[in-house]
C-alpha atoms as a PDB file:
ATOM      1  CA  MET A   1      93.217 117.975  53.308  1.00  0.00           C
ATOM      2  CA  LEU A   2      91.871 115.237  55.222  1.00  0.00           C
ATOM      3  CA  ALA A   3      92.011 115.006  58.985  1.00  0.00           C
ATOM      4  CA  ALA A   4      94.569 112.844  60.806  1.00  0.00           C
ATOM      5  CA  SER A   5      91.918 110.451  61.980  1.00  0.00           C
ATOM      6  CA  ASN A   6      90.515 110.189  58.365  1.00  0.00           C
ATOM      7  CA  GLN A   7      94.183 109.439  57.063  1.00  0.00           C
ATOM      8  CA  LEU A   8      94.683 106.718  59.731  1.00  0.00           C
ATOM      9  CA  LEU A   9      91.410 105.192  58.740  1.00  0.00           C
ATOM     10  CA  TRP A  10      92.234 105.350  55.091  1.00  0.00           C
ATOM     11  CA  SER A  11      95.707 103.990  55.648  1.00  0.00           C
ATOM     12  CA  MET A  12      94.145 100.926  57.534  1.00  0.00           C
ATOM     13  CA  ILE A  13      91.581 100.331  54.780  1.00  0.00           C
ATOM     14  CA  GLY A  14      94.468 100.739  52.077  1.00  0.00           C
ATOM     15  CA  LEU A  15      96.437  98.024  54.112  1.00  0.00           C
ATOM     16  CA  LEU A  16      93.535  95.602  53.939  1.00  0.00           C
ATOM     17  CA  LEU A  17      92.861  96.359  50.500  1.00  0.00           C
ATOM     18  CA  THR A  18      96.465  95.642  49.527  1.00  0.00           C
ATOM     19  CA  ILE A  19      96.616  92.404  51.496  1.00  0.00           C
ATOM     20  CA  GLY A  20      93.259  91.099  50.226  1.00  0.00           C
ATOM     21  CA  GLY A  21      94.223  92.292  46.617  1.00  0.00           C
ATOM     22  CA  THR A  22      97.353  90.237  46.653  1.00  0.00           C
ATOM     23  CA  PHE A  23      95.408  87.033  46.617  1.00  0.00           C
ATOM     24  CA  LEU A  24      92.632  88.065  44.246  1.00  0.00           C
ATOM     25  CA  GLU A  25      93.308  87.870  40.545  1.00  0.00           C
ATOM     26  CA  ALA A  26      91.822  90.712  38.348  1.00  0.00           C
ATOM     27  CA  HIS A  27      89.074  89.463  35.914  1.00  0.00           C
ATOM     28  CA  THR A  28      87.109  91.240  33.241  1.00  0.00           C
ATOM     29  CA  THR A  29      84.222  90.244  31.137  1.00  0.00           C
ATOM     30  CA  THR A  30      83.999  89.786  27.391  1.00  0.00           C
ATOM     31  CA  VAL A  31      81.658  92.119  25.448  1.00  0.00           C
ATOM     32  CA  PRO A  32      78.039  91.482  26.105  1.00  0.00           C
ATOM     33  CA  TRP A  33      77.265  90.153  22.550  1.00  0.00           C
ATOM     34  CA  ALA A  34      79.859  87.411  23.153  1.00  0.00           C
ATOM     35  CA  TRP A  35      78.036  86.057  26.220  1.00  0.00           C
ATOM     36  CA  SER A  36      76.197  82.772  25.970  1.00  0.00           C
ATOM     37  CA  LYS A  37      72.725  82.507  26.657  1.00  0.00           C
ATOM     38  CA  HIS A  38      73.080  81.567  30.341  1.00  0.00           C
ATOM     39  CA  THR A  39      76.610  82.595  31.278  1.00  0.00           C
ATOM     40  CA  ILE A  40      78.901  85.792  31.313  1.00  0.00           C
ATOM     41  CA  ASP A  41      82.293  84.906  29.945  1.00  0.00           C
ATOM     42  CA  VAL A  42      84.990  86.040  32.357  1.00  0.00           C
ATOM     43  CA  VAL A  43      88.744  86.348  31.292  1.00  0.00           C
ATOM     44  CA  SER A  44      91.581  86.735  33.680  1.00  0.00           C
ATOM     45  CA  LEU A  45      93.825  89.932  33.327  1.00  0.00           C
ATOM     46  CA  GLY A  46      96.882  87.880  34.650  1.00  0.00           C
ATOM     47  CA  VAL A  47      97.679  90.363  37.530  1.00  0.00           C
ATOM     48  CA  PRO A  48      96.417  90.501  41.204  1.00  0.00           C
ATOM     49  CA  PHE A  49      94.350  93.440  42.487  1.00  0.00           C
ATOM     50  CA  GLN A  50      97.081  94.462  44.791  1.00  0.00           C
ATOM     51  CA  ILE A  51      98.187  97.486  42.640  1.00  0.00           C
ATOM     52  CA  GLY A  52      94.523  98.520  42.754  1.00  0.00           C
ATOM     53  CA  GLY A  53      94.464  98.647  46.533  1.00  0.00           C
ATOM     54  CA  VAL A  54      97.868 100.531  46.621  1.00  0.00           C
ATOM     55  CA  LEU A  55      96.451 103.210  44.170  1.00  0.00           C
ATOM     56  CA  LEU A  56      92.849 103.405  45.366  1.00  0.00           C
ATOM     57  CA  VAL A  57      94.037 104.200  48.871  1.00  0.00           C
ATOM     58  CA  GLY A  58      96.087 107.102  47.527  1.00  0.00           C
ATOM     59  CA  CYS A  59      93.013 108.547  45.392  1.00  0.00           C
ATOM     60  CA  LEU A  60      90.767 108.357  48.427  1.00  0.00           C
ATOM     61  CA  GLY A  61      92.919 108.844  51.342  1.00  0.00           C
ATOM     62  CA  GLY A  62      95.840 111.109  50.057  1.00  0.00           C
ATOM     63  CA  LYS A  63      99.541 110.820  50.112  1.00  0.00           C
ATOM     64  CA  ASN A  64     100.123 110.319  53.844  1.00  0.00           C
ATOM     65  CA  ALA A  65      97.485 107.556  54.022  1.00  0.00           C
ATOM     66  CA  GLY A  66      98.636 105.951  50.669  1.00  0.00           C
ATOM     67  CA  ALA A  67     102.362 105.837  52.096  1.00  0.00           C
ATOM     68  CA  LEU A  68     101.527 104.732  55.497  1.00  0.00           C
ATOM     69  CA  SER A  69      99.519 101.812  54.468  1.00  0.00           C
ATOM     70  CA  GLN A  70     102.100 100.559  52.203  1.00  0.00           C
ATOM     71  CA  ILE A  71     104.776 101.031  55.062  1.00  0.00           C
ATOM     72  CA  ALA A  72     102.688  98.932  57.160  1.00  0.00           C
ATOM     73  CA  TYR A  73     102.195  96.325  54.464  1.00  0.00           C
ATOM     74  CA  LEU A  74     105.954  95.947  53.872  1.00  0.00           C
ATOM     75  CA  VAL A  75     106.727  96.024  57.678  1.00  0.00           C
ATOM     76  CA  MET A  76     104.020  93.157  58.280  1.00  0.00           C
ATOM     77  CA  GLY A  77     105.279  91.029  55.234  1.00  0.00           C
ATOM     78  CA  LEU A  78     109.006  91.244  56.417  1.00  0.00           C
ATOM     79  CA  THR A  79     108.073  90.257  59.907  1.00  0.00           C
ATOM     80  CA  LEU A  80     106.867  86.835  58.718  1.00  0.00           C
ATOM     81  CA  LEU A  81     103.190  87.500  58.361  1.00  0.00           C
ATOM     82  CA  PRO A  82     102.274  85.753  55.049  1.00  0.00           C
ATOM     83  CA  VAL A  83     100.748  88.876  53.400  1.00  0.00           C
ATOM     84  CA  PHE A  84     102.978  88.621  50.319  1.00  0.00           C
ATOM     85  CA  ALA A  85     102.069  86.523  47.327  1.00  0.00           C
ATOM     86  CA  ASN A  86     104.478  83.819  48.410  1.00  0.00           C
ATOM     87  CA  GLY A  87     104.285  84.209  52.097  1.00  0.00           C
ATOM     88  CA  GLY A  88     106.460  86.681  54.008  1.00  0.00           C
ATOM     89  CA  GLY A  89     109.691  87.014  55.854  1.00  0.00           C
ATOM     90  CA  ILE A  90     113.107  88.893  55.652  1.00  0.00           C
ATOM     91  CA  GLY A  91     114.142  86.669  52.900  1.00  0.00           C
ATOM     92  CA  TYR A  92     111.882  88.733  50.480  1.00  0.00           C
ATOM     93  CA  LEU A  93     114.614  91.456  50.531  1.00  0.00           C
ATOM     94  CA  GLN A  94     116.661  89.063  48.374  1.00  0.00           C
ATOM     95  CA  LEU A  95     114.018  88.349  45.698  1.00  0.00           C
ATOM     96  CA  SER A  96     113.909  90.055  42.410  1.00  0.00           C
ATOM     97  CA  GLN A  97     110.447  91.595  42.725  1.00  0.00           C
ATOM     98  CA  PHE A  98     111.037  93.283  46.092  1.00  0.00           C
ATOM     99  CA  GLY A  99     111.964  96.486  44.403  1.00  0.00           C
ATOM    100  CA  TYR A 100     108.296  96.663  43.087  1.00  0.00           C
ATOM    101  CA  LEU A 101     106.918  96.010  46.538  1.00  0.00           C
ATOM    102  CA  LEU A 102     109.326  98.838  47.918  1.00  0.00           C
ATOM    103  CA  GLY A 103     107.982 101.098  45.156  1.00  0.00           C
ATOM    104  CA  PHE A 104     104.448 100.874  46.681  1.00  0.00           C
ATOM    105  CA  ILE A 105     105.463 103.480  49.085  1.00  0.00           C
ATOM    106  CA  PRO A 106     106.431 106.224  46.711  1.00  0.00           C
ATOM    107  CA  GLY A 107     103.823 105.059  44.160  1.00  0.00           C
ATOM    108  CA  ALA A 108     100.938 105.342  46.628  1.00  0.00           C
ATOM    109  CA  TRP A 109     102.469 108.706  47.939  1.00  0.00           C
ATOM    110  CA  MET A 110     102.681 110.314  44.568  1.00  0.00           C
ATOM    111  CA  CYS A 111      99.171 108.960  43.542  1.00  0.00           C
ATOM    112  CA  GLY A 112      97.771 110.472  46.621  1.00  0.00           C
ATOM    113  CA  PHE A 113      99.561 113.664  46.160  1.00  0.00           C
ATOM    114  CA  LEU A 114      98.267 114.197  42.566  1.00  0.00           C
ATOM    115  CA  ALA A 115      94.788 112.980  43.339  1.00  0.00           C
ATOM    116  CA  PHE A 116      94.225 115.839  45.751  1.00  0.00           C
ATOM    117  CA  GLN A 117      95.728 118.694  43.551  1.00  0.00           C
ATOM    118  CA  ALA A 118      92.448 119.442  42.065  1.00  0.00           C
ATOM    119  CA  ARG A 119      88.733 118.546  42.069  1.00  0.00           C
ATOM    120  CA  PRO A 120      88.270 114.868  41.515  1.00  0.00           C
ATOM    121  CA  LYS A 121      87.800 114.376  37.713  1.00  0.00           C
ATOM    122  CA  LEU A 122      88.221 111.178  35.696  1.00  0.00           C
ATOM    123  CA  GLU A 123      91.254 112.642  33.872  1.00  0.00           C
ATOM    124  CA  SER A 124      93.182 113.853  36.933  1.00  0.00           C
ATOM    125  CA  LEU A 125      92.532 110.546  38.899  1.00  0.00           C
ATOM    126  CA  ALA A 126      93.738 108.404  36.112  1.00  0.00           C
ATOM    127  CA  PHE A 127      96.585 110.625  35.672  1.00  0.00           C
ATOM    128  CA  SER A 128      97.412 110.280  39.285  1.00  0.00           C
ATOM    129  CA  CYS A 129      97.021 106.356  39.109  1.00  0.00           C
ATOM    130  CA  ILE A 130      99.114 106.120  36.170  1.00  0.00           C
ATOM    131  CA  CYS A 131     102.055 108.229  37.638  1.00  0.00           C
ATOM    132  CA  GLY A 132     101.765 105.973  40.843  1.00  0.00           C
ATOM    133  CA  LEU A 133     102.123 102.805  38.713  1.00  0.00           C
ATOM    134  CA  LEU A 134     104.894 104.308  36.620  1.00  0.00           C
ATOM    135  CA  ILE A 135     106.878 105.163  40.035  1.00  0.00           C
ATOM    136  CA  ILE A 136     106.341 101.316  41.164  1.00  0.00           C
ATOM    137  CA  HIS A 137     107.664 100.127  37.789  1.00  0.00           C
ATOM    138  CA  ILE A 138     110.644 102.548  37.977  1.00  0.00           C
ATOM    139  CA  CYS A 139     111.474 101.561  41.538  1.00  0.00           C
ATOM    140  CA  GLY A 140     111.193  97.744  40.562  1.00  0.00           C
ATOM    141  CA  ILE A 141     113.263  98.107  37.289  1.00  0.00           C
ATOM    142  CA  THR A 142     115.905 100.020  39.288  1.00  0.00           C
ATOM    143  CA  SER A 143     116.098  97.503  41.915  1.00  0.00           C
ATOM    144  CA  LEU A 144     116.510  94.664  39.168  1.00  0.00           C
ATOM    145  CA  SER A 145     119.214  96.679  37.432  1.00  0.00           C
ATOM    146  CA  ILE A 146     121.240  97.227  40.714  1.00  0.00           C
ATOM    147  CA  SER A 147     120.821  93.470  41.601  1.00  0.00           C
ATOM    148  CA  TYR A 148     122.278  92.666  38.156  1.00  0.00           C
ATOM    149  CA  ILE A 149     125.029  95.153  38.274  1.00  0.00           C
ATOM    150  CA  LEU A 150     126.000  93.910  41.843  1.00  0.00           C
ATOM    151  CA  GLN A 151     125.606  90.297  40.620  1.00  0.00           C
ATOM    152  CA  LEU A 152     123.570  89.339  43.612  1.00  0.00           C
ATOM    153  CA  PRO A 153     123.034  85.473  44.014  1.00  0.00           C
ATOM    154  CA  ASN A 154     119.529  85.559  42.678  1.00  0.00           C
ATOM    155  CA  THR A 155     120.385  87.149  39.560  1.00  0.00           C
ATOM    156  CA  VAL A 156     123.588  85.438  38.373  1.00  0.00           C
ATOM    157  CA  ASN A 157     122.027  83.014  35.846  1.00  0.00           C
ATOM    158  CA  ALA A 158     119.035  85.275  34.689  1.00  0.00           C
ATOM    159  CA  ASN A 159     118.799  87.513  31.812  1.00  0.00           C
ATOM    160  CA  LEU A 160     117.985  91.311  32.916  1.00  0.00           C
ATOM    161  CA  ALA A 161     115.873  92.015  29.741  1.00  0.00           C
ATOM    162  CA  GLN A 162     113.672  88.817  30.344  1.00  0.00           C
ATOM    163  CA  VAL A 163     113.111  89.552  34.022  1.00  0.00           C
ATOM    164  CA  ILE A 164     112.000  93.218  33.383  1.00  0.00           C
ATOM    165  CA  MET A 165     109.723  91.790  30.668  1.00  0.00           C
ATOM    166  CA  GLN A 166     108.145  89.389  33.099  1.00  0.00           C
ATOM    167  CA  TYR A 167     107.770  91.728  35.967  1.00  0.00           C
ATOM    168  CA  SER A 168     107.085  94.855  33.941  1.00  0.00           C
ATOM    169  CA  TRP A 169     105.953  94.708  30.456  1.00  0.00           C
ATOM    170  CA  LEU A 170     103.834  91.739  30.625  1.00  0.00           C
ATOM    171  CA  GLN A 171     102.073  92.884  33.637  1.00  0.00           C
ATOM    172  CA  LEU A 172     101.243  96.608  32.287  1.00  0.00           C
ATOM    173  CA  PRO A 173      98.034  95.662  30.300  1.00  0.00           C
ATOM    174  CA  GLY A 174      96.313  93.976  33.094  1.00  0.00           C
ATOM    175  CA  GLN A 175      97.484  96.565  35.461  1.00  0.00           C
ATOM    176  CA  LEU A 176      96.268  99.437  33.308  1.00  0.00           C
ATOM    177  CA  ALA A 177      92.828  97.688  33.311  1.00  0.00           C
ATOM    178  CA  VAL A 178      93.045  97.695  36.913  1.00  0.00           C
ATOM    179  CA  VAL A 179      93.990 101.472  36.980  1.00  0.00           C
ATOM    180  CA  CYS A 180      90.861 102.120  34.877  1.00  0.00           C
ATOM    181  CA  ALA A 181      88.608 100.352  37.490  1.00  0.00           C
ATOM    182  CA  VAL A 182      90.317 102.112  40.413  1.00  0.00           C
ATOM    183  CA  THR A 183      89.906 105.526  38.494  1.00  0.00           C
ATOM    184  CA  VAL A 184      86.161 105.035  38.174  1.00  0.00           C
ATOM    185  CA  ILE A 185      85.602 103.799  41.749  1.00  0.00           C
ATOM    186  CA  ALA A 186      87.693 106.632  43.083  1.00  0.00           C
ATOM    187  CA  TYR A 187      85.755 109.167  41.140  1.00  0.00           C
ATOM    188  CA  ILE A 188      82.320 107.781  42.231  1.00  0.00           C
ATOM    189  CA  LEU A 189      83.514 107.507  46.007  1.00  0.00           C
ATOM    190  CA  ARG A 190      85.136 111.019  45.999  1.00  0.00           C
ATOM    191  CA  HIS A 191      81.823 112.514  44.800  1.00  0.00           C
ATOM    192  CA  ILE A 192      79.731 110.454  47.127  1.00  0.00           C
ATOM    193  CA  MET A 193      81.938 111.543  50.100  1.00  0.00           C
ATOM    194  CA  PHE A 194      82.085 115.292  49.052  1.00  0.00           C
ATOM    195  CA  TYR A 195      85.705 115.697  48.897  1.00  0.00           C
END
């Protein structure tokens, strides 16, 4: 288990990674034999690195650091600091995608909990990241469903299946690629730092 000072440090790092990742779009390269002679071809994954920051702090700092960093992220965003993708403020509570942001807390906690159950292996770290990502999507879909059942103002004219498709299914391929990168980075860093 990490000391309290290390958990606080990791929670601050996780907060910064989540904020920075909100504004950085994830990209990948094409296969090397498809590169032209003077350039490397880069393809957008269509998702930000935000999920990567959420899961990486869980893998490196543990469950408490992961949850604390995401609580701080939500508090900052809801108190008018522009750390969310479209700014910040209490009005975010009414947006359809807020359930996904709220899911960052249990997602980071679960990822951190599972990441420290055994010695760090690629398989166990990947499993912890996928579980964290799954929890984020479950929270988001649950929030969307509740909004539609209660017929909140922002959901009156929209189709629930289309919104779930937009915020979950279409995002998953890019987010799974980010999970792969997080898994490798966490594996390397956990071995370098001997824990």
